[in-house]
């Protein structure tokens, strides 16, 4: 089980994955289309997303976070390549930090759920964008 999958489960999300083609990335780690494992963690029925869903996409050297309303209208989409990733099942948090800041300004973008699993099933979700030095 990947750390992403474990964290997704602890956060109360639904995990999905597949192998498929990814586009070349901006930083040049992959200069052409390539096959890779793609993972999603889908959060529904949580306070903070008003009947919609928050989807975290994870693949080698890339990520995206998308928020949709209950009519599948995209409200937010954040994504970038060349990132540092941190997954913490204990803290129920996924964080992504764009290294080059090509599409997103240099920041730390975190998704977290609460309460902690040891206090009951997580039922609230929060998206945080934090400055970095």
N, C-alpha and C. Protein backbone atom coordinates (compact mmCIF):
# COMPACT_ATOMS: atom_id res chain seq x y z
N UNK A 1 0.86 -1.18 0.00
CA UNK A 1 0.00 0.00 0.00
C UNK A 1 0.90 1.24 0.00
N UNK A 2 0.64 2.16 -0.93
CA UNK A 2 1.44 3.38 -1.00
C UNK A 2 1.10 4.30 0.18
N UNK A 3 1.99 5.22 0.49
CA UNK A 3 1.74 6.19 1.56
C UNK A 3 0.54 7.07 1.20
N UNK A 4 0.40 7.39 -0.08
CA UNK A 4 -0.75 8.17 -0.53
C UNK A 4 -2.05 7.41 -0.25
N UNK A 5 -2.08 6.13 -0.59
CA UNK A 5 -3.26 5.30 -0.37
C UNK A 5 -3.59 5.18 1.11
N UNK A 6 -2.58 4.95 1.93
CA UNK A 6 -2.78 4.83 3.38
C UNK A 6 -3.32 6.14 3.96
N UNK A 7 -2.74 7.25 3.54
CA UNK A 7 -3.18 8.56 4.04
C UNK A 7 -4.60 8.85 3.59
N UNK A 8 -4.91 8.54 2.33
CA UNK A 8 -6.26 8.74 1.81
C UNK A 8 -7.28 8.00 2.68
N UNK A 9 -7.00 6.75 2.99
CA UNK A 9 -7.91 5.94 3.80
C UNK A 9 -8.09 6.55 5.19
N UNK A 10 -6.99 6.93 5.84
CA UNK A 10 -7.05 7.52 7.18
C UNK A 10 -7.80 8.85 7.18
N UNK A 11 -7.75 9.56 6.05
CA UNK A 11 -8.42 10.85 5.94
C UNK A 11 -9.90 10.71 5.63
N UNK A 12 -10.37 9.50 5.37
CA UNK A 12 -11.78 9.28 5.09
C UNK A 12 -12.14 9.40 3.62
N UNK A 13 -11.13 9.35 2.74
CA UNK A 13 -11.38 9.44 1.30
C UNK A 13 -11.54 8.08 0.65
N UNK A 14 -11.93 8.10 -0.62
CA UNK A 14 -12.03 6.89 -1.44
C UNK A 14 -10.84 6.88 -2.39
N UNK A 15 -10.09 5.79 -2.38
CA UNK A 15 -8.87 5.68 -3.17
C UNK A 15 -9.16 4.97 -4.49
N UNK A 16 -8.57 5.51 -5.58
CA UNK A 16 -8.62 4.88 -6.90
C UNK A 16 -7.26 5.04 -7.55
N UNK A 17 -6.90 4.09 -8.43
CA UNK A 17 -5.64 4.20 -9.14
C UNK A 17 -5.72 3.49 -10.48
N UNK A 18 -4.79 3.83 -11.37
CA UNK A 18 -4.65 3.17 -12.66
C UNK A 18 -3.26 3.48 -13.21
N UNK A 19 -2.81 2.67 -14.14
CA UNK A 19 -1.59 2.97 -14.87
C UNK A 19 -2.03 3.57 -16.20
N UNK A 20 -1.35 4.64 -16.61
CA UNK A 20 -1.70 5.28 -17.87
C UNK A 20 -0.67 6.31 -18.26
N UNK A 21 -0.92 6.96 -19.37
CA UNK A 21 0.03 7.93 -19.91
C UNK A 21 -0.10 9.27 -19.21
N UNK A 22 1.06 9.89 -18.95
CA UNK A 22 1.13 11.25 -18.41
C UNK A 22 1.84 12.13 -19.43
N UNK A 23 1.46 13.39 -19.44
CA UNK A 23 2.08 14.38 -20.32
C UNK A 23 3.50 14.68 -19.84
N UNK A 24 4.36 15.24 -20.71
CA UNK A 24 5.68 15.70 -20.25
C UNK A 24 5.50 16.76 -19.17
N UNK A 25 6.47 16.90 -18.26
CA UNK A 25 6.32 17.90 -17.22
C UNK A 25 7.18 19.13 -17.51
N UNK A 26 6.84 20.21 -16.83
CA UNK A 26 7.46 21.51 -17.08
C UNK A 26 8.95 21.50 -16.72
N UNK A 27 9.31 20.88 -15.62
CA UNK A 27 10.70 20.91 -15.16
C UNK A 27 11.63 20.03 -15.95
N UNK A 28 11.09 19.15 -16.78
CA UNK A 28 11.94 18.37 -17.65
C UNK A 28 12.36 17.02 -17.13
N UNK A 29 11.80 16.56 -15.98
CA UNK A 29 12.16 15.22 -15.52
C UNK A 29 11.68 14.19 -16.52
N UNK A 30 10.51 14.41 -17.09
CA UNK A 30 9.97 13.54 -18.13
C UNK A 30 9.80 14.40 -19.38
N UNK A 31 10.62 14.15 -20.39
CA UNK A 31 10.61 15.01 -21.58
C UNK A 31 9.59 14.57 -22.61
N UNK A 32 8.99 13.42 -22.42
CA UNK A 32 7.98 12.96 -23.36
C UNK A 32 6.86 12.27 -22.58
N UNK A 33 5.80 11.94 -23.28
CA UNK A 33 4.70 11.22 -22.66
C UNK A 33 5.24 9.90 -22.11
N UNK A 34 4.77 9.49 -20.94
CA UNK A 34 5.29 8.28 -20.31
C UNK A 34 4.19 7.60 -19.51
N UNK A 35 4.35 6.31 -19.27
CA UNK A 35 3.37 5.57 -18.49
C UNK A 35 3.75 5.62 -17.02
N UNK A 36 2.74 5.80 -16.17
CA UNK A 36 2.99 5.92 -14.73
C UNK A 36 1.75 5.53 -13.95
N UNK A 37 1.94 5.29 -12.66
CA UNK A 37 0.80 5.03 -11.79
C UNK A 37 0.16 6.37 -11.43
N UNK A 38 -1.14 6.45 -11.62
CA UNK A 38 -1.91 7.64 -11.29
C UNK A 38 -2.86 7.27 -10.16
N UNK A 39 -2.93 8.12 -9.14
CA UNK A 39 -3.75 7.84 -7.96
C UNK A 39 -4.68 9.02 -7.69
N UNK A 40 -5.88 8.71 -7.18
CA UNK A 40 -6.84 9.74 -6.78
C UNK A 40 -7.33 9.43 -5.38
N UNK A 41 -7.59 10.47 -4.64
CA UNK A 41 -8.28 10.35 -3.36
C UNK A 41 -9.48 11.30 -3.47
N UNK A 42 -10.67 10.73 -3.33
CA UNK A 42 -11.90 11.50 -3.54
C UNK A 42 -12.62 11.64 -2.20
N UNK A 43 -12.89 12.88 -1.84
CA UNK A 43 -13.58 13.18 -0.59
C UNK A 43 -14.98 13.68 -0.90
N UNK A 44 -15.99 13.04 -0.31
CA UNK A 44 -17.39 13.43 -0.47
C UNK A 44 -18.04 13.47 0.90
N UNK A 45 -19.20 14.12 0.96
CA UNK A 45 -20.01 14.14 2.18
C UNK A 45 -19.22 14.63 3.40
N UNK A 46 -18.46 15.69 3.21
CA UNK A 46 -17.69 16.27 4.32
C UNK A 46 -18.02 17.74 4.44
N UNK A 47 -18.03 18.23 5.67
CA UNK A 47 -18.16 19.66 5.90
C UNK A 47 -16.98 20.35 5.23
N UNK A 48 -17.23 21.46 4.60
CA UNK A 48 -16.17 22.22 3.95
C UNK A 48 -16.25 22.14 2.43
N UNK A 49 -17.03 21.18 1.90
CA UNK A 49 -17.18 21.10 0.44
C UNK A 49 -18.65 21.11 0.01
N UNK A 50 -19.56 21.39 0.93
CA UNK A 50 -20.97 21.68 0.63
C UNK A 50 -21.65 20.73 -0.35
N UNK A 51 -21.59 19.44 -0.12
CA UNK A 51 -22.27 18.49 -0.98
C UNK A 51 -21.53 18.16 -2.26
N UNK A 52 -20.41 18.80 -2.50
CA UNK A 52 -19.61 18.50 -3.69
C UNK A 52 -18.53 17.49 -3.35
N UNK A 53 -17.40 17.60 -4.04
CA UNK A 53 -16.29 16.71 -3.73
C UNK A 53 -14.96 17.41 -3.95
N UNK A 54 -13.96 16.95 -3.23
CA UNK A 54 -12.59 17.42 -3.36
C UNK A 54 -11.78 16.21 -3.82
N UNK A 55 -11.04 16.37 -4.92
CA UNK A 55 -10.29 15.28 -5.52
C UNK A 55 -8.82 15.65 -5.51
N UNK A 56 -8.00 14.78 -4.91
CA UNK A 56 -6.55 14.95 -4.92
C UNK A 56 -5.99 13.93 -5.89
N UNK A 57 -5.24 14.40 -6.90
CA UNK A 57 -4.60 13.54 -7.90
C UNK A 57 -3.11 13.51 -7.60
N UNK A 58 -2.53 12.31 -7.63
CA UNK A 58 -1.10 12.14 -7.37
C UNK A 58 -0.50 11.25 -8.44
N UNK A 59 0.62 11.67 -9.01
CA UNK A 59 1.38 10.88 -9.97
C UNK A 59 2.84 11.32 -9.84
N UNK A 60 3.77 10.56 -10.41
CA UNK A 60 5.18 10.96 -10.29
C UNK A 60 5.40 12.40 -10.74
N UNK A 61 5.96 13.19 -9.86
CA UNK A 61 6.37 14.56 -10.13
C UNK A 61 5.22 15.52 -10.43
N UNK A 62 3.99 15.15 -10.13
CA UNK A 62 2.87 16.05 -10.39
C UNK A 62 1.75 15.81 -9.37
N UNK A 63 0.85 16.77 -9.26
CA UNK A 63 -0.33 16.64 -8.41
C UNK A 63 -1.38 17.62 -8.90
N UNK A 64 -2.60 17.40 -8.47
CA UNK A 64 -3.64 18.41 -8.65
C UNK A 64 -4.65 18.25 -7.51
N UNK A 65 -5.29 19.35 -7.20
CA UNK A 65 -6.40 19.36 -6.24
C UNK A 65 -7.54 20.07 -6.94
N UNK A 66 -8.68 19.39 -6.99
CA UNK A 66 -9.85 19.95 -7.67
C UNK A 66 -11.04 19.90 -6.72
N UNK A 67 -11.79 20.98 -6.68
CA UNK A 67 -13.02 21.04 -5.89
C UNK A 67 -14.17 21.27 -6.85
N UNK A 68 -15.19 20.41 -6.75
CA UNK A 68 -16.38 20.52 -7.58
C UNK A 68 -17.60 20.69 -6.69
N UNK A 69 -18.59 21.43 -7.18
CA UNK A 69 -19.83 21.56 -6.41
C UNK A 69 -20.72 20.34 -6.67
N UNK A 70 -21.91 20.33 -6.10
CA UNK A 70 -22.78 19.16 -6.22
C UNK A 70 -23.38 18.99 -7.62
N UNK A 71 -23.09 19.91 -8.53
CA UNK A 71 -23.52 19.79 -9.93
C UNK A 71 -22.34 19.51 -10.86
N UNK A 72 -21.21 19.13 -10.28
CA UNK A 72 -19.96 18.83 -11.01
C UNK A 72 -19.34 20.04 -11.69
N UNK A 73 -19.68 21.25 -11.23
CA UNK A 73 -19.01 22.45 -11.72
C UNK A 73 -17.68 22.58 -10.99
N UNK A 74 -16.61 22.80 -11.73
CA UNK A 74 -15.30 22.94 -11.12
C UNK A 74 -15.19 24.31 -10.46
N UNK A 75 -14.93 24.32 -9.17
CA UNK A 75 -14.80 25.57 -8.42
C UNK A 75 -13.34 25.98 -8.27
N UNK A 76 -12.48 25.01 -8.03
CA UNK A 76 -11.05 25.26 -7.80
C UNK A 76 -10.25 24.17 -8.49
N UNK A 77 -9.16 24.53 -9.15
CA UNK A 77 -8.19 23.53 -9.58
C UNK A 77 -6.80 24.10 -9.39
N UNK A 78 -6.01 23.39 -8.62
CA UNK A 78 -4.61 23.75 -8.37
C UNK A 78 -3.77 22.59 -8.87
N UNK A 79 -2.73 22.85 -9.66
CA UNK A 79 -1.84 21.78 -10.08
C UNK A 79 -0.50 22.33 -10.49
N UNK A 80 0.49 21.47 -10.39
CA UNK A 80 1.84 21.85 -10.80
C UNK A 80 2.69 20.60 -10.91
N UNK A 81 3.84 20.75 -11.53
CA UNK A 81 4.85 19.71 -11.62
C UNK A 81 6.04 20.14 -10.78
N UNK A 82 7.02 19.26 -10.65
CA UNK A 82 8.23 19.55 -9.88
C UNK A 82 7.86 19.98 -8.47
N UNK A 83 7.38 19.04 -7.70
CA UNK A 83 6.88 19.34 -6.37
C UNK A 83 7.48 18.41 -5.33
N UNK A 84 7.46 18.89 -4.11
CA UNK A 84 7.76 18.05 -2.94
C UNK A 84 6.41 17.63 -2.37
N UNK A 85 6.31 16.34 -1.99
CA UNK A 85 5.05 15.81 -1.47
C UNK A 85 5.26 15.29 -0.06
N UNK A 86 4.28 15.50 0.80
CA UNK A 86 4.30 14.97 2.15
C UNK A 86 2.92 14.38 2.43
N UNK A 87 2.90 13.10 2.80
CA UNK A 87 1.65 12.44 3.17
C UNK A 87 1.78 11.98 4.61
N UNK A 88 0.84 12.34 5.45
CA UNK A 88 0.87 11.94 6.85
C UNK A 88 -0.48 11.33 7.24
N UNK A 89 -0.49 10.00 7.36
CA UNK A 89 -1.74 9.35 7.77
C UNK A 89 -2.05 9.68 9.23
N UNK A 90 -1.01 9.85 10.04
CA UNK A 90 -1.21 10.17 11.47
C UNK A 90 -1.87 11.54 11.64
N UNK A 91 -1.41 12.52 10.86
CA UNK A 91 -1.98 13.88 10.94
C UNK A 91 -3.15 14.09 9.99
N UNK A 92 -3.47 13.04 9.18
CA UNK A 92 -4.54 13.13 8.19
C UNK A 92 -4.35 14.36 7.30
N UNK A 93 -3.17 14.41 6.67
CA UNK A 93 -2.83 15.58 5.87
C UNK A 93 -2.00 15.18 4.66
N UNK A 94 -2.28 15.81 3.52
CA UNK A 94 -1.49 15.69 2.31
C UNK A 94 -1.01 17.08 1.95
N UNK A 95 0.30 17.24 1.75
CA UNK A 95 0.84 18.56 1.40
C UNK A 95 1.68 18.47 0.13
N UNK A 96 1.62 19.54 -0.64
CA UNK A 96 2.33 19.63 -1.91
C UNK A 96 3.00 21.01 -1.96
N UNK A 97 4.28 21.01 -2.31
CA UNK A 97 5.03 22.26 -2.36
C UNK A 97 5.70 22.40 -3.72
N UNK A 98 5.17 23.27 -4.60
CA UNK A 98 5.80 23.48 -5.90
C UNK A 98 7.22 24.03 -5.73
N UNK A 99 8.19 23.37 -6.36
CA UNK A 99 9.59 23.77 -6.22
C UNK A 99 9.91 24.98 -7.09
N UNK A 100 9.48 24.93 -8.35
CA UNK A 100 9.80 26.02 -9.28
C UNK A 100 8.76 27.12 -9.29
N UNK A 101 7.55 26.82 -8.86
CA UNK A 101 6.49 27.82 -8.86
C UNK A 101 6.11 28.26 -10.25
N UNK A 102 6.03 27.32 -11.21
CA UNK A 102 5.70 27.67 -12.58
C UNK A 102 4.22 28.02 -12.72
N UNK A 103 3.34 27.15 -12.26
CA UNK A 103 1.90 27.40 -12.37
C UNK A 103 1.33 28.00 -11.09
N UNK A 104 1.91 27.62 -9.98
CA UNK A 104 1.46 28.11 -8.68
C UNK A 104 2.61 28.85 -8.01
N UNK A 105 2.32 29.89 -7.27
CA UNK A 105 3.39 30.56 -6.54
C UNK A 105 3.99 29.60 -5.52
N UNK A 106 5.24 29.84 -5.16
CA UNK A 106 5.87 28.99 -4.15
C UNK A 106 5.05 29.08 -2.87
N UNK A 107 4.55 27.94 -2.47
CA UNK A 107 3.68 27.85 -1.31
C UNK A 107 3.59 26.39 -0.91
N UNK A 108 2.96 26.14 0.19
CA UNK A 108 2.69 24.78 0.63
C UNK A 108 1.18 24.63 0.63
N UNK A 109 0.68 23.70 -0.18
CA UNK A 109 -0.75 23.49 -0.33
C UNK A 109 -1.11 22.19 0.39
N UNK A 110 -1.96 22.30 1.38
CA UNK A 110 -2.28 21.13 2.21
C UNK A 110 -3.79 20.88 2.24
N UNK A 111 -4.13 19.60 2.22
CA UNK A 111 -5.50 19.14 2.43
C UNK A 111 -5.47 18.37 3.74
N UNK A 112 -6.37 18.71 4.66
CA UNK A 112 -6.43 17.97 5.91
C UNK A 112 -7.87 17.70 6.30
N UNK A 113 -8.07 16.58 7.00
CA UNK A 113 -9.40 16.25 7.49
C UNK A 113 -9.38 16.15 9.00
N UNK A 114 -10.53 16.33 9.60
CA UNK A 114 -10.64 16.26 11.05
C UNK A 114 -12.07 15.90 11.41
N UNK A 115 -12.38 15.44 12.59
CA UNK A 115 -11.43 15.18 13.67
C UNK A 115 -10.50 14.03 13.30
N UNK A 116 -9.45 13.87 14.11
CA UNK A 116 -8.54 12.75 13.89
C UNK A 116 -9.31 11.46 14.02
N UNK A 117 -8.91 10.47 13.26
CA UNK A 117 -9.62 9.19 13.19
C UNK A 117 -9.81 8.55 14.56
N UNK A 118 -8.84 8.76 15.46
CA UNK A 118 -8.96 8.14 16.78
C UNK A 118 -10.13 8.72 17.58
N UNK A 119 -10.66 9.89 17.17
CA UNK A 119 -11.81 10.51 17.85
C UNK A 119 -13.12 10.27 17.11
N UNK A 120 -13.09 9.54 16.03
CA UNK A 120 -14.29 9.29 15.22
C UNK A 120 -13.97 9.45 13.76
N UNK A 121 -14.91 9.11 12.91
CA UNK A 121 -14.69 9.20 11.47
C UNK A 121 -14.51 10.67 11.06
N UNK A 122 -13.46 10.97 10.27
CA UNK A 122 -13.30 12.35 9.81
C UNK A 122 -14.52 12.78 9.00
N UNK A 123 -15.04 13.97 9.30
CA UNK A 123 -16.22 14.44 8.59
C UNK A 123 -16.09 15.87 8.08
N UNK A 124 -14.91 16.47 8.27
CA UNK A 124 -14.67 17.84 7.79
C UNK A 124 -13.34 17.88 7.06
N UNK A 125 -13.27 18.75 6.06
CA UNK A 125 -12.06 18.87 5.26
C UNK A 125 -11.69 20.33 5.10
N UNK A 126 -10.40 20.59 4.98
CA UNK A 126 -9.91 21.97 4.87
C UNK A 126 -8.77 22.00 3.86
N UNK A 127 -8.75 23.02 3.01
CA UNK A 127 -7.67 23.26 2.07
C UNK A 127 -6.90 24.47 2.57
N UNK A 128 -5.59 24.31 2.79
CA UNK A 128 -4.78 25.42 3.29
C UNK A 128 -3.67 25.73 2.30
N UNK A 129 -3.43 27.01 2.07
CA UNK A 129 -2.31 27.45 1.25
C UNK A 129 -1.43 28.30 2.15
N UNK A 130 -0.22 27.80 2.40
CA UNK A 130 0.68 28.44 3.35
C UNK A 130 1.90 29.01 2.64
N UNK A 131 2.39 30.17 3.05
CA UNK A 131 3.61 30.71 2.45
C UNK A 131 4.83 29.89 2.87
N UNK A 132 5.83 29.89 2.01
CA UNK A 132 7.11 29.24 2.33
C UNK A 132 8.23 30.27 2.15
N UNK A 133 9.32 30.04 2.83
CA UNK A 133 10.45 30.98 2.71
C UNK A 133 11.26 30.70 1.48
